[in-house]
Amino acid sequence: MEASDLKQHPPFRVVTFRDDHEVISEDVETEVAARTRFASAIDLCQSRDAAHAHRVELRSGGETIETWPQSGA
């Protein structure tokens, strides 16, 4: 599923994975909104089935700037 209302090159993107498959990709206009959405995606993943691996990435300008869970966690 992809949720995007932004036309080209969004400043931020929050991507949620389940078992290493991208399940949600959301374009976000501002850093505050991106970090809020990132936290919300983490909360959602923590409430889901622990039998599956979940990961959330916050991206900006084509680079991953934050990942949950953190490496080694």
Protein backbone atom coordinates (compact mmCIF):
# COMPACT_ATOMS: atom_id res chain seq x y z
CA MET A 1 0.00 0.00 0.00
CA GLU A 2 1.30 3.43 -0.83
CA ALA A 3 -0.12 6.63 0.63
CA SER A 4 1.09 9.71 -1.22
CA ASP A 5 -0.53 13.00 -2.09
CA LEU A 6 2.78 14.74 -2.84
CA LYS A 7 3.62 15.03 -6.51
CA GLN A 8 7.41 14.64 -6.74
CA HIS A 9 10.37 14.07 -4.47
CA PRO A 10 8.82 14.27 -1.02
CA PRO A 11 11.07 15.76 1.65
CA PHE A 12 10.41 12.83 3.99
CA ARG A 13 9.12 9.29 3.69
CA VAL A 14 8.11 6.80 6.40
CA VAL A 15 8.33 3.17 5.27
CA THR A 16 6.96 0.23 7.26
CA PHE A 17 8.11 -3.34 6.62
CA ARG A 18 6.76 -6.69 7.76
CA ASP A 19 9.00 -9.72 7.29
CA ASP A 20 11.27 -7.57 5.07
CA HIS A 21 8.41 -6.68 2.71
CA GLU A 22 7.36 -3.05 2.36
CA VAL A 23 3.72 -2.77 3.42
CA ILE A 24 3.21 1.00 3.82
CA SER A 25 5.11 3.93 2.33
CA GLU A 26 3.98 7.44 3.28
CA ASP A 27 5.30 10.73 1.92
CA VAL A 28 5.43 13.48 4.53
CA GLU A 29 5.96 17.21 3.95
CA THR A 30 7.68 18.37 7.17
CA GLU A 31 10.20 16.87 9.61
CA VAL A 32 7.80 17.31 12.54
CA ALA A 33 5.05 15.45 10.68
CA ALA A 34 7.54 12.78 9.58
CA ARG A 35 8.77 12.15 13.11
CA THR A 36 5.19 12.02 14.39
CA ARG A 37 4.25 9.50 11.70
CA PHE A 38 7.45 7.51 12.39
CA ALA A 39 6.53 7.26 16.10
CA SER A 40 2.98 6.25 15.21
CA ALA A 41 4.22 3.52 12.87
CA ILE A 42 6.47 2.17 15.64
CA ASP A 43 3.53 2.09 18.07
CA LEU A 44 1.47 0.18 15.51
CA CYS A 45 4.26 -2.34 14.90
CA GLN A 46 4.73 -2.92 18.63
CA SER A 47 1.05 -3.81 18.95
CA ARG A 48 1.20 -6.34 16.09
CA ASP A 49 1.92 -10.06 16.00
CA ALA A 50 5.37 -10.72 17.48
CA ALA A 51 5.74 -13.78 15.22
CA HIS A 52 6.58 -11.38 12.37
CA ALA A 53 9.57 -9.08 12.03
CA HIS A 54 8.62 -5.39 11.80
CA ARG A 55 10.82 -2.47 10.79
CA VAL A 56 10.16 1.24 10.25
CA GLU A 57 12.45 3.61 8.37
CA LEU A 58 12.42 7.40 8.27
CA ARG A 59 13.99 8.65 5.03
CA SER A 60 14.96 12.06 3.79
CA GLY A 61 16.57 12.96 0.48
CA GLY A 62 17.01 9.32 -0.42
CA GLU A 63 18.88 8.48 2.80
CA THR A 64 17.63 6.55 5.81
CA ILE A 65 17.97 8.90 8.77
CA GLU A 66 16.37 6.71 11.44
CA THR A 67 15.38 3.06 11.77
CA TRP A 68 13.36 1.12 14.31
CA PRO A 69 14.33 -1.19 15.82
CA GLN A 70 17.86 0.09 16.03
CA SER A 71 20.65 -2.26 15.01
CA GLY A 72 21.61 -4.58 17.83
CA ALA A 73 18.37 -3.89 19.71
